[in-house]
């Protein structure tokens, strides 16, 4: 799923996702609902948090498998 999101350009930054993922680690929840319509029980939660904390998933300039052109900073303010 993370690779699908990365390929679609959904995640702009990893740090906010990691900060949010750290919050429920200490309470050790029995069930976590990290995405729309999905749930992760306590047996899979450590694997989920490990993947979020240790995998690269942020936007890399690719959108649906194609490299996007970089626009100069001076044009971004228009």
N, C-alpha and C. Protein backbone atom coordinates (compact mmCIF):
# COMPACT_ATOMS: atom_id res chain seq x y z
N UNK A 1 0.83 -1.19 0.00
CA UNK A 1 0.00 0.00 0.00
C UNK A 1 0.87 1.25 0.00
N UNK A 2 1.95 1.22 0.80
CA UNK A 2 2.85 2.38 0.85
C UNK A 2 3.44 2.65 -0.53
N UNK A 3 3.82 1.61 -1.24
CA UNK A 3 4.37 1.81 -2.59
C UNK A 3 3.32 2.38 -3.53
N UNK A 4 2.07 1.98 -3.39
CA UNK A 4 1.00 2.57 -4.20
C UNK A 4 0.85 4.05 -3.90
N UNK A 5 0.87 4.40 -2.62
CA UNK A 5 0.74 5.81 -2.23
C UNK A 5 1.94 6.62 -2.75
N UNK A 6 3.13 6.05 -2.62
CA UNK A 6 4.32 6.75 -3.12
C UNK A 6 4.22 6.96 -4.62
N UNK A 7 3.83 5.93 -5.33
CA UNK A 7 3.71 6.01 -6.78
C UNK A 7 2.68 7.03 -7.24
N UNK A 8 1.65 7.21 -6.43
CA UNK A 8 0.62 8.18 -6.76
C UNK A 8 0.96 9.58 -6.27
N UNK A 9 2.05 9.72 -5.53
CA UNK A 9 2.49 11.03 -5.05
C UNK A 9 1.70 11.54 -3.86
N UNK A 10 1.13 10.66 -3.06
CA UNK A 10 0.30 11.09 -1.94
C UNK A 10 1.12 11.65 -0.78
N UNK A 11 2.18 10.97 -0.37
CA UNK A 11 2.96 11.40 0.78
C UNK A 11 4.01 12.41 0.37
N UNK A 12 3.90 13.63 0.85
CA UNK A 12 4.88 14.66 0.54
C UNK A 12 6.07 14.59 1.48
N UNK A 13 5.86 14.11 2.69
CA UNK A 13 6.92 14.08 3.68
C UNK A 13 6.74 12.88 4.61
N UNK A 14 7.84 12.32 5.05
CA UNK A 14 7.79 11.17 5.95
C UNK A 14 7.67 11.58 7.41
N UNK A 15 8.25 12.71 7.79
CA UNK A 15 8.33 13.07 9.20
C UNK A 15 6.97 13.22 9.88
N UNK A 16 5.98 13.90 9.30
CA UNK A 16 4.68 13.98 9.99
C UNK A 16 4.02 12.62 10.19
N UNK A 17 4.19 11.72 9.23
CA UNK A 17 3.63 10.37 9.36
C UNK A 17 4.33 9.63 10.48
N UNK A 18 5.63 9.77 10.57
CA UNK A 18 6.39 9.09 11.64
C UNK A 18 6.05 9.66 13.02
N UNK A 19 5.88 10.96 13.10
CA UNK A 19 5.50 11.57 14.39
C UNK A 19 4.15 11.05 14.85
N UNK A 20 3.22 10.94 13.93
CA UNK A 20 1.89 10.44 14.27
C UNK A 20 1.94 8.96 14.64
N UNK A 21 2.79 8.19 13.97
CA UNK A 21 2.92 6.76 14.24
C UNK A 21 3.49 6.51 15.63
N UNK A 22 4.35 7.38 16.11
CA UNK A 22 4.96 7.20 17.44
C UNK A 22 3.94 7.28 18.57
N UNK A 23 2.88 8.05 18.38
CA UNK A 23 1.91 8.29 19.46
C UNK A 23 1.30 7.03 20.05
N UNK A 24 0.78 6.10 19.25
CA UNK A 24 0.14 4.93 19.86
C UNK A 24 1.08 3.78 20.21
N UNK A 25 2.38 3.92 20.02
CA UNK A 25 3.29 2.81 20.28
C UNK A 25 3.32 2.44 21.77
N UNK A 26 3.47 3.40 22.64
CA UNK A 26 3.59 3.11 24.07
C UNK A 26 2.32 2.56 24.72
N UNK A 27 1.13 3.03 24.37
CA UNK A 27 -0.06 2.44 24.99
C UNK A 27 -0.32 0.99 24.57
N UNK A 28 0.36 0.50 23.55
CA UNK A 28 0.17 -0.86 23.03
C UNK A 28 -1.30 -1.18 22.78
N UNK A 29 -1.92 -0.54 21.81
CA UNK A 29 -3.35 -0.75 21.56
C UNK A 29 -3.65 -2.15 21.05
N UNK A 30 -4.87 -2.61 21.30
CA UNK A 30 -5.30 -3.91 20.79
C UNK A 30 -5.72 -3.83 19.33
N UNK A 31 -6.15 -2.63 18.89
CA UNK A 31 -6.56 -2.44 17.50
C UNK A 31 -6.28 -1.00 17.11
N UNK A 32 -5.74 -0.81 15.89
CA UNK A 32 -5.45 0.52 15.36
C UNK A 32 -6.10 0.60 13.98
N UNK A 33 -6.67 1.76 13.67
CA UNK A 33 -7.31 1.99 12.38
C UNK A 33 -6.57 3.11 11.66
N UNK A 34 -5.42 2.80 11.01
CA UNK A 34 -4.56 3.83 10.43
C UNK A 34 -5.06 4.42 9.11
N UNK A 35 -5.91 3.71 8.39
CA UNK A 35 -6.40 4.20 7.09
C UNK A 35 -7.89 3.98 7.00
N UNK A 36 -8.49 4.57 6.03
CA UNK A 36 -9.92 4.41 5.81
C UNK A 36 -10.26 2.95 5.54
N UNK A 37 -11.07 2.37 6.41
CA UNK A 37 -11.56 1.03 6.18
C UNK A 37 -10.62 -0.09 6.55
N UNK A 38 -9.47 0.21 7.12
CA UNK A 38 -8.56 -0.87 7.49
C UNK A 38 -8.34 -0.88 9.00
N UNK A 39 -7.89 -1.99 9.51
CA UNK A 39 -7.58 -2.12 10.92
C UNK A 39 -6.37 -3.02 11.09
N UNK A 40 -5.58 -2.72 12.10
CA UNK A 40 -4.39 -3.52 12.40
C UNK A 40 -4.50 -3.97 13.84
N UNK A 41 -4.49 -5.29 14.07
CA UNK A 41 -4.57 -5.77 15.44
C UNK A 41 -3.18 -5.78 16.08
N UNK A 42 -3.15 -6.08 17.36
CA UNK A 42 -1.90 -5.98 18.12
C UNK A 42 -0.80 -6.91 17.62
N UNK A 43 -1.16 -8.01 16.96
CA UNK A 43 -0.11 -8.92 16.46
C UNK A 43 0.63 -8.33 15.26
N UNK A 44 -0.02 -7.49 14.47
CA UNK A 44 0.61 -6.90 13.29
C UNK A 44 1.10 -5.48 13.52
N UNK A 45 0.67 -4.85 14.60
CA UNK A 45 1.02 -3.45 14.85
C UNK A 45 2.54 -3.20 14.90
N UNK A 46 3.34 -4.05 15.57
CA UNK A 46 4.80 -3.81 15.56
C UNK A 46 5.40 -3.83 14.15
N UNK A 47 4.91 -4.69 13.28
CA UNK A 47 5.42 -4.75 11.91
C UNK A 47 5.03 -3.48 11.14
N UNK A 48 3.82 -3.02 11.38
CA UNK A 48 3.35 -1.79 10.75
C UNK A 48 4.20 -0.60 11.18
N UNK A 49 4.39 -0.44 12.49
CA UNK A 49 5.18 0.69 12.97
C UNK A 49 6.63 0.60 12.51
N UNK A 50 7.17 -0.61 12.46
CA UNK A 50 8.54 -0.78 11.98
C UNK A 50 8.66 -0.35 10.52
N UNK A 51 7.69 -0.72 9.70
CA UNK A 51 7.71 -0.34 8.28
C UNK A 51 7.61 1.18 8.13
N UNK A 52 6.73 1.82 8.89
CA UNK A 52 6.59 3.28 8.81
C UNK A 52 7.86 3.98 9.28
N UNK A 53 8.43 3.51 10.37
CA UNK A 53 9.59 4.18 10.95
C UNK A 53 10.88 3.94 10.16
N UNK A 54 10.96 2.83 9.42
CA UNK A 54 12.23 2.47 8.78
C UNK A 54 12.20 2.39 7.26
N UNK A 55 11.07 2.69 6.65
CA UNK A 55 10.98 2.62 5.18
C UNK A 55 10.81 4.02 4.60
N UNK A 56 11.37 4.23 3.43
CA UNK A 56 11.18 5.49 2.72
C UNK A 56 9.87 5.40 1.95
N UNK A 57 9.02 6.40 2.11
CA UNK A 57 7.75 6.38 1.41
C UNK A 57 7.32 7.74 0.90
N UNK A 58 8.11 8.77 1.10
CA UNK A 58 7.73 10.12 0.69
C UNK A 58 7.82 10.28 -0.83
N UNK A 59 7.18 11.31 -1.29
CA UNK A 59 7.17 11.65 -2.71
C UNK A 59 8.60 11.86 -3.21
N UNK A 60 8.91 11.28 -4.36
CA UNK A 60 10.28 11.33 -4.90
C UNK A 60 10.36 11.99 -6.27
N UNK A 61 9.32 12.73 -6.65
CA UNK A 61 9.34 13.35 -7.97
C UNK A 61 8.71 12.49 -9.04
N UNK A 62 8.21 11.33 -8.65
CA UNK A 62 7.55 10.43 -9.58
C UNK A 62 6.06 10.47 -9.32
N UNK A 63 5.28 10.47 -10.39
CA UNK A 63 3.83 10.42 -10.28
C UNK A 63 3.34 9.33 -11.20
N UNK A 64 2.75 8.30 -10.62
CA UNK A 64 2.27 7.14 -11.38
C UNK A 64 3.36 6.58 -12.29
N UNK A 65 4.58 6.50 -11.73
CA UNK A 65 5.70 5.89 -12.43
C UNK A 65 6.44 6.78 -13.40
N UNK A 66 6.05 8.04 -13.51
CA UNK A 66 6.72 8.95 -14.43
C UNK A 66 7.37 10.09 -13.68
N UNK A 67 8.60 10.42 -14.07
CA UNK A 67 9.33 11.52 -13.45
C UNK A 67 8.69 12.84 -13.87
N UNK A 68 8.41 13.69 -12.89
CA UNK A 68 7.81 15.00 -13.18
C UNK A 68 8.88 16.05 -13.35
N UNK A 69 8.59 17.00 -14.18
CA UNK A 69 9.51 18.11 -14.42
C UNK A 69 9.54 19.01 -13.18
N UNK A 70 10.71 19.47 -12.81
CA UNK A 70 10.85 20.37 -11.68
C UNK A 70 10.66 21.80 -12.19
N UNK A 71 9.77 22.53 -11.52
CA UNK A 71 9.49 23.91 -11.89
C UNK A 71 10.33 24.82 -11.01
N UNK A 72 10.89 25.83 -11.59
CA UNK A 72 11.73 26.78 -10.86
C UNK A 72 10.97 27.41 -9.71
N UNK A 73 11.66 27.70 -8.62
CA UNK A 73 11.06 28.29 -7.42
C UNK A 73 10.39 29.63 -7.74
N UNK A 74 10.92 30.42 -8.65
CA UNK A 74 10.37 31.73 -8.91
C UNK A 74 8.97 31.67 -9.50
N UNK A 75 8.62 30.53 -10.12
CA UNK A 75 7.29 30.38 -10.72
C UNK A 75 6.28 29.78 -9.73
N UNK A 76 6.74 29.23 -8.63
CA UNK A 76 5.84 28.59 -7.67
C UNK A 76 4.98 29.60 -6.95
N UNK A 77 5.35 30.87 -6.89
CA UNK A 77 4.62 31.89 -6.14
C UNK A 77 3.49 32.51 -6.95
N UNK A 78 3.35 32.14 -8.20
CA UNK A 78 2.32 32.74 -9.06
C UNK A 78 0.94 32.34 -8.65
